C-alpha atoms as a PDB file:
ATOM      1  CA  MET A   1      -7.765  19.512   5.176  1.00  0.00           C
ATOM      2  CA  LYS A   2      -4.011  20.124   5.090  1.00  0.00           C
ATOM      3  CA  LEU A   3      -1.924  17.118   4.102  1.00  0.00           C
ATOM      4  CA  ASP A   4       1.606  16.899   5.496  1.00  0.00           C
ATOM      5  CA  ASN A   5       4.508  15.099   3.823  1.00  0.00           C
ATOM      6  CA  SER A   6       7.179  15.955   6.382  1.00  0.00           C
ATOM      7  CA  LEU A   7       7.958  12.490   7.736  1.00  0.00           C
ATOM      8  CA  LYS A   8      11.636  11.689   8.139  1.00  0.00           C
ATOM      9  CA  ILE A   9      13.218   8.778   6.324  1.00  0.00           C
ATOM     10  CA  GLY A  10      13.545   5.734   8.559  1.00  0.00           C
ATOM     11  CA  SER A  11      11.216   7.149  11.233  1.00  0.00           C
ATOM     12  CA  ASN A  12       8.891   4.121  10.880  1.00  0.00           C
ATOM     13  CA  GLU A  13       5.957   6.520  11.054  1.00  0.00           C
ATOM     14  CA  MET A  14       3.042   7.094   8.734  1.00  0.00           C
ATOM     15  CA  GLU A  15       0.368   9.741   8.490  1.00  0.00           C
ATOM     16  CA  LEU A  16      -3.245   8.684   8.117  1.00  0.00           C
ATOM     17  CA  VAL A  17      -6.350  10.543   7.057  1.00  0.00           C
ATOM     18  CA  ASP A  18      -8.848   9.602   9.778  1.00  0.00           C
ATOM     19  CA  PHE A  19     -12.320   9.341   8.237  1.00  0.00           C
ATOM     20  CA  ARG A  20     -15.673   8.045   9.452  1.00  0.00           C
ATOM     21  CA  ILE A  21     -18.458   5.885   8.035  1.00  0.00           C
ATOM     22  CA  MET A  22     -21.764   6.018   9.922  1.00  0.00           C
ATOM     23  CA  LYS A  23     -24.012   2.961  10.177  1.00  0.00           C
ATOM     24  CA  GLU A  24     -27.663   2.849  11.288  1.00  0.00           C
ATOM     25  CA  GLU A  25     -28.927  -0.414  12.695  1.00  0.00           C
ATOM     26  CA  LYS A  26     -32.175  -0.976  14.614  1.00  0.00           C
ATOM     27  CA  GLY A  27     -32.526   2.737  15.246  1.00  0.00           C
ATOM     28  CA  GLU A  28     -28.998   3.089  16.643  1.00  0.00           C
ATOM     29  CA  VAL A  29     -26.159   4.936  14.890  1.00  0.00           C
ATOM     30  CA  TYR A  30     -22.647   3.531  15.008  1.00  0.00           C
ATOM     31  CA  GLU A  31     -19.458   5.253  13.912  1.00  0.00           C
ATOM     32  CA  GLY A  32     -16.819   3.287  12.030  1.00  0.00           C
ATOM     33  CA  ILE A  33     -13.308   4.722  12.246  1.00  0.00           C
ATOM     34  CA  TYR A  34     -11.044   4.186   9.253  1.00  0.00           C
ATOM     35  CA  GLY A  35      -7.770   5.466   7.912  1.00  0.00           C
ATOM     36  CA  ILE A  36      -5.815   5.731   4.672  1.00  0.00           C
ATOM     37  CA  ASN A  37      -2.176   6.639   4.172  1.00  0.00           C
ATOM     38  CA  VAL A  38      -1.738  10.352   3.414  1.00  0.00           C
ATOM     39  CA  SER A  39       0.714   9.363   0.678  1.00  0.00           C
ATOM     40  CA  LYS A  40      -2.228   7.963  -1.303  1.00  0.00           C
ATOM     41  CA  VAL A  41      -4.377  11.089  -0.903  1.00  0.00           C
ATOM     42  CA  ARG A  42      -4.306  13.905  -3.455  1.00  0.00           C
ATOM     43  CA  GLU A  43      -6.889  16.114  -1.747  1.00  0.00           C
ATOM     44  CA  ILE A  44     -10.166  16.110   0.166  1.00  0.00           C
ATOM     45  CA  ILE A  45     -13.116  18.046  -1.262  1.00  0.00           C
ATOM     46  CA  ARG A  46     -16.835  18.542  -0.750  1.00  0.00           C
ATOM     47  CA  VAL A  47     -19.016  16.185  -2.742  1.00  0.00           C
ATOM     48  CA  PRO A  48     -19.252  17.690  -6.254  1.00  0.00           C
ATOM     49  CA  ALA A  49     -22.036  17.398  -8.793  1.00  0.00           C
ATOM     50  CA  LEU A  50     -21.678  13.921 -10.248  1.00  0.00           C
ATOM     51  CA  THR A  51     -22.648  12.500 -13.617  1.00  0.00           C
ATOM     52  CA  GLU A  52     -24.269   9.101 -13.218  1.00  0.00           C
ATOM     53  CA  LEU A  53     -22.988   6.181 -15.246  1.00  0.00           C
ATOM     54  CA  PRO A  54     -25.769   3.868 -16.458  1.00  0.00           C
ATOM     55  CA  GLY A  55     -25.213   0.179 -15.991  1.00  0.00           C
ATOM     56  CA  THR A  56     -22.710   0.527 -13.145  1.00  0.00           C
ATOM     57  CA  PRO A  57     -23.126  -0.875  -9.604  1.00  0.00           C
ATOM     58  CA  GLU A  58     -25.023   1.272  -7.097  1.00  0.00           C
ATOM     59  CA  PHE A  59     -21.892   2.002  -5.070  1.00  0.00           C
ATOM     60  CA  ILE A  60     -20.329   3.863  -8.011  1.00  0.00           C
ATOM     61  CA  GLU A  61     -21.973   7.250  -7.543  1.00  0.00           C
ATOM     62  CA  GLY A  62     -20.762   8.649 -10.847  1.00  0.00           C
ATOM     63  CA  ILE A  63     -17.918  10.652 -12.342  1.00  0.00           C
ATOM     64  CA  PHE A  64     -16.793  14.268 -12.276  1.00  0.00           C
ATOM     65  CA  ASP A  65     -14.166  16.435 -13.906  1.00  0.00           C
ATOM     66  CA  LEU A  66     -11.316  17.580 -11.668  1.00  0.00           C
ATOM     67  CA  ARG A  67      -9.035  19.951 -13.550  1.00  0.00           C
ATOM     68  CA  ASP A  68      -9.586  18.127 -16.859  1.00  0.00           C
ATOM     69  CA  VAL A  69      -9.243  14.657 -15.314  1.00  0.00           C
ATOM     70  CA  VAL A  70     -12.351  12.453 -15.189  1.00  0.00           C
ATOM     71  CA  ILE A  71     -12.525  10.704 -11.822  1.00  0.00           C
ATOM     72  CA  PRO A  72     -14.889   7.878 -10.815  1.00  0.00           C
ATOM     73  CA  VAL A  73     -16.412   8.199  -7.350  1.00  0.00           C
ATOM     74  CA  VAL A  74     -17.174   5.242  -5.074  1.00  0.00           C
ATOM     75  CA  ASN A  75     -19.565   5.453  -2.132  1.00  0.00           C
ATOM     76  CA  LEU A  76     -17.715   3.448   0.516  1.00  0.00           C
ATOM     77  CA  ALA A  77     -20.754   2.960   2.752  1.00  0.00           C
ATOM     78  CA  SER A  78     -22.778   1.619  -0.165  1.00  0.00           C
ATOM     79  CA  TRP A  79     -19.980  -0.733  -1.197  1.00  0.00           C
ATOM     80  CA  MET A  80     -19.688  -2.006   2.388  1.00  0.00           C
ATOM     81  CA  GLY A  81     -23.417  -2.792   2.441  1.00  0.00           C
ATOM     82  CA  ILE A  82     -24.026  -0.260   5.216  1.00  0.00           C
ATOM     83  CA  THR A  83     -27.325   1.486   5.785  1.00  0.00           C
ATOM     84  CA  SER A  84     -26.400   5.075   6.595  1.00  0.00           C
ATOM     85  CA  PRO A  85     -28.371   7.694   8.542  1.00  0.00           C
ATOM     86  CA  GLU A  86     -30.087  10.339   6.410  1.00  0.00           C
ATOM     87  CA  ASN A  87     -28.145  13.236   7.927  1.00  0.00           C
ATOM     88  CA  THR A  88     -24.692  12.254   6.653  1.00  0.00           C
ATOM     89  CA  LYS A  89     -24.620  14.506   3.574  1.00  0.00           C
ATOM     90  CA  LYS A  90     -23.785  17.678   5.499  1.00  0.00           C
ATOM     91  CA  ASN A  91     -20.278  16.553   6.476  1.00  0.00           C
ATOM     92  CA  SER A  92     -19.668  14.127   3.608  1.00  0.00           C
ATOM     93  CA  ARG A  93     -16.425  14.541   1.698  1.00  0.00           C
ATOM     94  CA  VAL A  94     -14.699  12.961  -1.273  1.00  0.00           C
ATOM     95  CA  ILE A  95     -11.185  11.701  -0.649  1.00  0.00           C
ATOM     96  CA  ILE A  96      -9.328  11.911  -3.967  1.00  0.00           C
ATOM     97  CA  THR A  97      -6.761   9.125  -3.989  1.00  0.00           C
ATOM     98  CA  GLU A  98      -3.910   8.194  -6.293  1.00  0.00           C
ATOM     99  CA  PHE A  99      -2.255   4.793  -6.199  1.00  0.00           C
ATOM    100  CA  ASN A 100      -1.018   2.415  -8.868  1.00  0.00           C
ATOM    101  CA  ASN A 101      -1.120   5.540 -11.085  1.00  0.00           C
ATOM    102  CA  VAL A 102      -4.937   5.584 -10.896  1.00  0.00           C
ATOM    103  CA  LEU A 103      -7.095   8.472  -9.602  1.00  0.00           C
ATOM    104  CA  ILE A 104     -10.311   7.543  -7.746  1.00  0.00           C
ATOM    105  CA  GLY A 105     -12.606   9.374  -5.350  1.00  0.00           C
ATOM    106  CA  PHE A 106     -14.220   7.838  -2.266  1.00  0.00           C
ATOM    107  CA  ILE A 107     -17.237   9.343  -0.516  1.00  0.00           C
ATOM    108  CA  VAL A 108     -16.933   9.221   3.279  1.00  0.00           C
ATOM    109  CA  HIS A 109     -19.281  10.656   5.898  1.00  0.00           C
ATOM    110  CA  GLU A 110     -16.660  12.782   7.608  1.00  0.00           C
ATOM    111  CA  ALA A 111     -12.938  13.440   7.243  1.00  0.00           C
ATOM    112  CA  LYS A 112     -11.746  14.089  10.794  1.00  0.00           C
ATOM    113  CA  ARG A 113      -8.036  14.777  10.996  1.00  0.00           C
ATOM    114  CA  ILE A 114      -4.494  13.727  10.138  1.00  0.00           C
ATOM    115  CA  ARG A 115      -2.960  11.204  12.540  1.00  0.00           C
ATOM    116  CA  ARG A 116       0.739  10.436  12.814  1.00  0.00           C
ATOM    117  CA  ILE A 117       1.166   6.829  13.908  1.00  0.00           C
ATOM    118  CA  ASN A 118       4.176   4.615  14.375  1.00  0.00           C
ATOM    119  CA  TRP A 119       4.037   1.430  12.332  1.00  0.00           C
ATOM    120  CA  SER A 120       5.095  -0.500  15.445  1.00  0.00           C
ATOM    121  CA  ASP A 121       1.701   0.425  16.958  1.00  0.00           C
ATOM    122  CA  ILE A 122      -0.166  -1.085  14.008  1.00  0.00           C
ATOM    123  CA  GLU A 123      -1.136  -4.734  14.185  1.00  0.00           C
ATOM    124  CA  PRO A 124      -1.862  -6.868  11.115  1.00  0.00           C
ATOM    125  CA  ALA A 125      -5.566  -7.486  10.493  1.00  0.00           C
ATOM    126  CA  THR A 126      -6.128 -11.128  11.384  1.00  0.00           C
ATOM    127  CA  PHE A 127      -9.896 -10.965  11.702  1.00  0.00           C
ATOM    128  CA  VAL A 128     -12.963 -10.947   9.494  1.00  0.00           C
ATOM    129  CA  SER A 129     -15.506  -8.148   9.957  1.00  0.00           C
ATOM    130  CA  GLY A 130     -19.193  -8.721   9.583  1.00  0.00           C
ATOM    131  CA  SER A 131     -19.869  -5.320   7.974  1.00  0.00           C
ATOM    132  CA  GLY A 132     -21.362  -6.245   4.622  1.00  0.00           C
ATOM    133  CA  SER A 133     -18.699  -6.908   2.025  1.00  0.00           C
ATOM    134  CA  LEU A 134     -15.877  -5.739   4.269  1.00  0.00           C
ATOM    135  CA  ASP A 135     -13.624  -8.573   5.351  1.00  0.00           C
ATOM    136  CA  GLY A 136     -10.131  -8.864   6.737  1.00  0.00           C
ATOM    137  CA  SER A 137      -8.571  -8.839   3.271  1.00  0.00           C
ATOM    138  CA  LYS A 138      -9.718  -5.220   2.860  1.00  0.00           C
ATOM    139  CA  ILE A 139      -8.029  -4.139   6.101  1.00  0.00           C
ATOM    140  CA  THR A 140      -4.239  -3.904   6.184  1.00  0.00           C
ATOM    141  CA  GLY A 141      -3.904  -3.096   9.885  1.00  0.00           C
ATOM    142  CA  VAL A 142      -5.561  -1.944  13.086  1.00  0.00           C
ATOM    143  CA  THR A 143      -4.425   0.478  15.764  1.00  0.00           C
ATOM    144  CA  LYS A 144      -5.886   1.853  18.980  1.00  0.00           C
ATOM    145  CA  ILE A 145      -6.621   5.551  19.317  1.00  0.00           C
ATOM    146  CA  GLU A 146      -7.945   7.642  22.166  1.00  0.00           C
ATOM    147  CA  GLY A 147     -10.754   6.244  24.289  1.00  0.00           C
ATOM    148  CA  ASP A 148      -9.715   2.673  23.403  1.00  0.00           C
ATOM    149  CA  SER A 149     -11.363   3.090  20.014  1.00  0.00           C
ATOM    150  CA  VAL A 150      -9.960   1.061  17.129  1.00  0.00           C
ATOM    151  CA  LEU A 151      -9.019   2.549  13.780  1.00  0.00           C
ATOM    152  CA  LEU A 152      -9.037   0.234  10.761  1.00  0.00           C
ATOM    153  CA  ILE A 153      -6.567   0.961   7.964  1.00  0.00           C
ATOM    154  CA  LEU A 154      -8.494   0.345   4.780  1.00  0.00           C
ATOM    155  CA  ASP A 155      -6.800  -1.319   1.811  1.00  0.00           C
ATOM    156  CA  LEU A 156      -8.353   0.800  -0.927  1.00  0.00           C
ATOM    157  CA  GLU A 157      -6.280  -0.779  -3.698  1.00  0.00           C
ATOM    158  CA  SER A 158      -7.903  -4.126  -2.870  1.00  0.00           C
ATOM    159  CA  VAL A 159     -11.306  -2.438  -2.944  1.00  0.00           C
ATOM    160  CA  VAL A 160     -10.551  -0.886  -6.333  1.00  0.00           C
ATOM    161  CA  GLN A 161      -9.439  -4.211  -7.791  1.00  0.00           C
ATOM    162  CA  ASP A 162     -12.696  -5.799  -6.576  1.00  0.00           C
ATOM    163  CA  LEU A 163     -14.646  -3.036  -8.285  1.00  0.00           C
ATOM    164  CA  GLY A 164     -12.897  -3.742 -11.586  1.00  0.00           C
ATOM    165  CA  LEU A 165     -11.574  -0.164 -11.809  1.00  0.00           C
ATOM    166  CA  TYR A 166      -7.961  -1.316 -11.810  1.00  0.00           C
ATOM    167  CA  GLU A 167      -6.415  -4.473 -13.194  1.00  0.00           C
ATOM    168  CA  PRO A 168      -2.805  -5.271 -12.257  1.00  0.00           C
ATOM    169  CA  ASP A 169      -0.474  -5.632 -15.228  1.00  0.00           C
ATOM    170  CA  ILE A 170       0.890  -9.048 -14.309  1.00  0.00           C
ATOM    171  CA  ASP A 171       0.804 -10.738 -17.712  1.00  0.00           C
ATOM    172  CA  ASN A 172       2.953  -8.305 -19.685  1.00  0.00           C
ATOM    173  CA  ILE A 173       6.040 -10.509 -19.485  1.00  0.00           C
ATOM    174  CA  PRO A 174       8.897  -9.869 -21.921  1.00  0.00           C
ATOM    175  CA  GLU A 175       9.346 -12.664 -24.463  1.00  0.00           C
ATOM    176  CA  GLU A 176      12.926 -13.258 -23.373  1.00  0.00           C
ATOM    177  CA  LEU A 177      13.904 -12.908 -19.723  1.00  0.00           C
ATOM    178  CA  GLU A 178      17.489 -12.554 -18.632  1.00  0.00           C
ATOM    179  CA  SER A 179      18.337 -15.516 -16.405  1.00  0.00           C
ATOM    180  CA  PHE A 180      19.853 -14.928 -12.980  1.00  0.00           C
ATOM    181  CA  SER A 181      20.864 -17.121 -10.064  1.00  0.00           C
ATOM    182  CA  GLY A 182      21.063 -16.637  -6.319  1.00  0.00           C
ATOM    183  CA  ILE A 183      18.533 -15.430  -3.786  1.00  0.00           C
ATOM    184  CA  ALA A 184      15.993 -12.610  -3.865  1.00  0.00           C
ATOM    185  CA  MET A 185      14.109 -11.461  -0.762  1.00  0.00           C
ATOM    186  CA  VAL A 186      10.520 -10.193  -0.982  1.00  0.00           C
ATOM    187  CA  LEU A 187       8.855  -8.129   1.763  1.00  0.00           C
ATOM    188  CA  ASP A 188       5.120  -7.470   1.577  1.00  0.00           C
ATOM    189  CA  ASP A 189       2.270  -7.842   4.062  1.00  0.00           C
ATOM    190  CA  SER A 190      -0.104  -8.808   1.247  1.00  0.00           C
ATOM    191  CA  SER A 191       0.032 -12.517   0.431  1.00  0.00           C
ATOM    192  CA  THR A 192      -1.346 -11.744  -3.041  1.00  0.00           C
ATOM    193  CA  ALA A 193       1.374  -9.174  -3.732  1.00  0.00           C
ATOM    194  CA  ARG A 194       4.103 -11.479  -2.405  1.00  0.00           C
ATOM    195  CA  LYS A 195       2.947 -14.267  -4.714  1.00  0.00           C
ATOM    196  CA  ILE A 196       2.956 -11.985  -7.768  1.00  0.00           C
ATOM    197  CA  VAL A 197       6.474 -10.718  -7.008  1.00  0.00           C
ATOM    198  CA  LYS A 198       7.735 -14.173  -6.044  1.00  0.00           C
ATOM    199  CA  ASP A 199       6.477 -15.670  -9.307  1.00  0.00           C
ATOM    200  CA  ALA A 200       8.121 -12.873 -11.285  1.00  0.00           C
ATOM    201  CA  LEU A 201      11.479 -13.316  -9.550  1.00  0.00           C
ATOM    202  CA  GLU A 202      11.379 -17.093  -9.915  1.00  0.00           C
ATOM    203  CA  LYS A 203      10.776 -16.655 -13.640  1.00  0.00           C
ATOM    204  CA  MET A 204      14.042 -14.681 -13.653  1.00  0.00           C
ATOM    205  CA  GLY A 205      15.847 -17.595 -12.000  1.00  0.00           C
ATOM    206  CA  PHE A 206      16.013 -16.431  -8.373  1.00  0.00           C
ATOM    207  CA  ARG A 207      15.281 -18.504  -5.299  1.00  0.00           C
ATOM    208  CA  VAL A 208      12.930 -16.397  -3.205  1.00  0.00           C
ATOM    209  CA  VAL A 209      12.889 -15.782   0.557  1.00  0.00           C
ATOM    210  CA  GLU A 210       9.674 -14.147   1.823  1.00  0.00           C
ATOM    211  CA  ALA A 211       8.923 -11.811   4.752  1.00  0.00           C
ATOM    212  CA  ILE A 212       5.642 -10.199   5.785  1.00  0.00           C
ATOM    213  CA  ASP A 213       7.115  -6.921   7.100  1.00  0.00           C
ATOM    214  CA  GLY A 214      10.348  -5.118   7.940  1.00  0.00           C
ATOM    215  CA  GLU A 215      10.833  -6.840  11.287  1.00  0.00           C
ATOM    216  CA  GLU A 216      10.622 -10.292   9.745  1.00  0.00           C
ATOM    217  CA  GLY A 217      12.814  -9.074   6.892  1.00  0.00           C
ATOM    218  CA  LEU A 218      15.603  -8.226   9.340  1.00  0.00           C
ATOM    219  CA  GLU A 219      15.173 -11.612  11.002  1.00  0.00           C
ATOM    220  CA  LYS A 220      15.467 -13.369   7.628  1.00  0.00           C
ATOM    221  CA  LEU A 221      18.610 -11.364   6.845  1.00  0.00           C
ATOM    222  CA  ASP A 222      20.154 -12.516  10.136  1.00  0.00           C
ATOM    223  CA  ASP A 223      19.286 -16.115   9.222  1.00  0.00           C
ATOM    224  CA  LEU A 224      20.927 -15.754   5.812  1.00  0.00           C
ATOM    225  CA  TYR A 225      24.018 -14.213   7.411  1.00  0.00           C
ATOM    226  CA  LYS A 226      24.320 -17.229   9.710  1.00  0.00           C
ATOM    227  CA  THR A 227      24.376 -19.395   6.583  1.00  0.00           C
ATOM    228  CA  TYR A 228      26.594 -17.357   4.249  1.00  0.00           C
ATOM    229  CA  GLY A 229      28.538 -15.056   6.586  1.00  0.00           C
ATOM    230  CA  GLU A 230      30.485 -12.278   4.908  1.00  0.00           C
ATOM    231  CA  ASP A 231      29.683 -13.776   1.487  1.00  0.00           C
ATOM    232  CA  ILE A 232      25.982 -12.967   1.878  1.00  0.00           C
ATOM    233  CA  ALA A 233      26.061 -10.233  -0.776  1.00  0.00           C
ATOM    234  CA  THR A 234      27.255 -12.740  -3.390  1.00  0.00           C
ATOM    235  CA  HIS A 235      24.249 -14.978  -2.660  1.00  0.00           C
ATOM    236  CA  LEU A 236      21.478 -12.496  -1.841  1.00  0.00           C
ATOM    237  CA  LYS A 237      21.300 -10.518  -5.085  1.00  0.00           C
ATOM    238  CA  ILE A 238      18.379  -8.182  -4.399  1.00  0.00           C
ATOM    239  CA  ILE A 239      15.678  -7.191  -1.881  1.00  0.00           C
ATOM    240  CA  VAL A 240      12.235  -6.167  -3.187  1.00  0.00           C
ATOM    241  CA  SER A 241      10.253  -4.380  -0.487  1.00  0.00           C
ATOM    242  CA  ASP A 242       6.788  -2.941  -0.119  1.00  0.00           C
ATOM    243  CA  VAL A 243       6.535   0.414   1.694  1.00  0.00           C
ATOM    244  CA  GLU A 244       3.347   0.109   3.772  1.00  0.00           C
ATOM    245  CA  MET A 245       3.733  -2.742   6.265  1.00  0.00           C
ATOM    246  CA  PRO A 246       2.647  -3.137   9.917  1.00  0.00           C
ATOM    247  CA  ARG A 247       5.303  -3.197  12.669  1.00  0.00           C
ATOM    248  CA  MET A 248       8.095  -1.874  10.406  1.00  0.00           C
ATOM    249  CA  ASP A 249       7.618  -0.128   7.078  1.00  0.00           C
ATOM    250  CA  GLY A 250       9.837  -0.466   4.032  1.00  0.00           C
ATOM    251  CA  PHE A 251      11.701   2.812   4.495  1.00  0.00           C
ATOM    252  CA  HIS A 252      12.612   2.018   8.104  1.00  0.00           C
ATOM    253  CA  PHE A 253      13.652  -1.482   7.063  1.00  0.00           C
ATOM    254  CA  ALA A 254      15.894  -0.056   4.327  1.00  0.00           C
ATOM    255  CA  ALA A 255      17.460   2.436   6.740  1.00  0.00           C
ATOM    256  CA  ASN A 256      18.335  -0.461   9.066  1.00  0.00           C
ATOM    257  CA  VAL A 257      19.819  -2.476   6.202  1.00  0.00           C
ATOM    258  CA  LYS A 258      21.944   0.392   4.928  1.00  0.00           C
ATOM    259  CA  ASP A 259      23.245   1.108   8.457  1.00  0.00           C
ATOM    260  CA  ASP A 260      24.374  -2.513   8.880  1.00  0.00           C
ATOM    261  CA  GLU A 261      27.809  -3.254   7.420  1.00  0.00           C
ATOM    262  CA  ARG A 262      26.822  -6.889   6.890  1.00  0.00           C
ATOM    263  CA  PHE A 263      24.013  -5.985   4.485  1.00  0.00           C
ATOM    264  CA  ASN A 264      24.577  -2.497   3.111  1.00  0.00           C
ATOM    265  CA  LYS A 265      25.923  -3.727  -0.236  1.00  0.00           C
ATOM    266  CA  ILE A 266      22.706  -5.599  -1.043  1.00  0.00           C
ATOM    267  CA  PRO A 267      20.531  -3.531  -3.421  1.00  0.00           C
ATOM    268  CA  ILE A 268      16.957  -2.680  -2.431  1.00  0.00           C
ATOM    269  CA  VAL A 269      14.092  -1.998  -4.828  1.00  0.00           C
ATOM    270  CA  PHE A 270      10.819  -0.590  -3.501  1.00  0.00           C
ATOM    271  CA  ASN A 271       7.611  -1.982  -5.003  1.00  0.00           C
ATOM    272  CA  SER A 272       4.629   0.026  -3.783  1.00  0.00           C
ATOM    273  CA  SER A 273       1.106   1.045  -4.708  1.00  0.00           C
ATOM    274  CA  ILE A 274       1.951   4.623  -3.642  1.00  0.00           C
ATOM    275  CA  SER A 275       2.638   6.446  -6.890  1.00  0.00           C
ATOM    276  CA  ASP A 276       3.515   9.999  -5.829  1.00  0.00           C
ATOM    277  CA  HIS A 277       6.906  11.605  -6.499  1.00  0.00           C
ATOM    278  CA  PHE A 278       7.430  12.420  -2.820  1.00  0.00           C
ATOM    279  CA  SER A 279       7.412   8.736  -1.878  1.00  0.00           C
ATOM    280  CA  GLU A 280       9.693   7.947  -4.804  1.00  0.00           C
ATOM    281  CA  ASN A 281      12.173  10.524  -3.478  1.00  0.00           C
ATOM    282  CA  ARG A 282      11.861   9.116   0.026  1.00  0.00           C
ATOM    283  CA  GLY A 283      12.682   5.693  -1.379  1.00  0.00           C
ATOM    284  CA  LYS A 284      15.878   6.998  -2.924  1.00  0.00           C
ATOM    285  CA  GLU A 285      16.835   8.778   0.308  1.00  0.00           C
ATOM    286  CA  ALA A 286      16.271   5.523   2.209  1.00  0.00           C
ATOM    287  CA  GLY A 287      18.823   3.807  -0.027  1.00  0.00           C
ATOM    288  CA  GLY A 288      16.590   2.251  -2.664  1.00  0.00           C
ATOM    289  CA  GLU A 289      18.088   1.591  -6.084  1.00  0.00           C
ATOM    290  CA  ALA A 290      14.680   1.930  -7.750  1.00  0.00           C
ATOM    291  CA  TYR A 291      11.073   2.715  -6.880  1.00  0.00           C
ATOM    292  CA  LEU A 292       8.427   0.734  -8.777  1.00  0.00           C
ATOM    293  CA  VAL A 293       4.650   1.022  -8.797  1.00  0.00           C
ATOM    294  CA  LYS A 294       2.647  -2.205  -8.392  1.00  0.00           C
ATOM    295  CA  PHE A 295       2.014  -4.203 -10.593  1.00  0.00           C
ATOM    296  CA  GLN A 296       3.627  -3.159 -13.853  1.00  0.00           C
ATOM    297  CA  ALA A 297       5.318  -6.288 -15.104  1.00  0.00           C
ATOM    298  CA  SER A 298       7.521  -4.976 -17.905  1.00  0.00           C
ATOM    299  CA  SER A 299       9.072  -2.197 -15.810  1.00  0.00           C
ATOM    300  CA  PHE A 300       9.490  -4.625 -12.892  1.00  0.00           C
ATOM    301  CA  TYR A 301      11.558  -7.087 -14.936  1.00  0.00           C
ATOM    302  CA  ASP A 302      13.593  -4.318 -16.569  1.00  0.00           C
ATOM    303  CA  GLU A 303      14.438  -2.511 -13.334  1.00  0.00           C
ATOM    304  CA  VAL A 304      15.249  -5.634 -11.318  1.00  0.00           C
ATOM    305  CA  ALA A 305      17.546  -6.853 -14.100  1.00  0.00           C
ATOM    306  CA  ARG A 306      19.227  -3.443 -14.320  1.00  0.00           C
ATOM    307  CA  VAL A 307      19.820  -3.217 -10.565  1.00  0.00           C
ATOM    308  CA  VAL A 308      21.175  -6.770 -10.266  1.00  0.00           C
ATOM    309  CA  ARG A 309      23.488  -6.319 -13.267  1.00  0.00           C
ATOM    310  CA  ALA A 310      24.862  -3.073 -11.828  1.00  0.00           C
ATOM    311  CA  HIS A 311      25.771  -4.791  -8.566  1.00  0.00           C
ATOM    312  CA  MET A 312      27.354  -7.776 -10.267  1.00  0.00           C
ATOM    313  CA  LYS A 313      30.057  -5.596 -11.822  1.00  0.00           C
END
């Protein structure tokens, strides 16, 4: 499957790999439609020969060597507690993902196509699914596709954390933190991620304003402007934004901020699980002062301090 990284900065669009998980229940077969951001996908391959790992959960199928890199492989259907039809192996694929600087493979029953979707057409997941272990916290958004079908955007980083294959580096705090004052704004659709970033910024001395996506971020900026007027840049010292967010993504948000004379002097730092160089370059083109990978505490403190100091001169 060809992966395309041609999206324009500020387009508020994303590209998804549309994949399917089949479920058999009472003799009937149901097709679950899921998606993952192309920016997190290295490649899609046929299921290779796997080496089993003794003592691991059943949903970890094993490991294999991909160009001298050992990659663990997770069976998504097994993890979700789904009973699958026997004829799924023919079209099964492994989606090789990279996020938070970790490589992991996920077995899916079929990889269908690449979809380009506007973030404004994606609604936050405010429900809980009854499919085994899959609940609303593992879904970052939902969107309608043809035939009134619903595609669920799967939060694989949350899945990986649950599996114990990735542990966020949130305790590696420098012994001495430079103390700052003023306001910092945090944008992230994940309440867990917002709390981690908020706690880090508060430890640095900032008062934190939170937003769940780019649209709310712009609304919060307008509110702050009503309070501080043209002096807003002396009070709001930095904006830390996720990239993947429903309604308005981080790049589109940044493009709006940099096009607005009221806010364009406020530095923006992207803080994302997407760890590819293309996204890092897109962040710089969108006006970001830095692009950080969640959740690496020492680099977070260092980069935020560097950016704020540079704009205080």
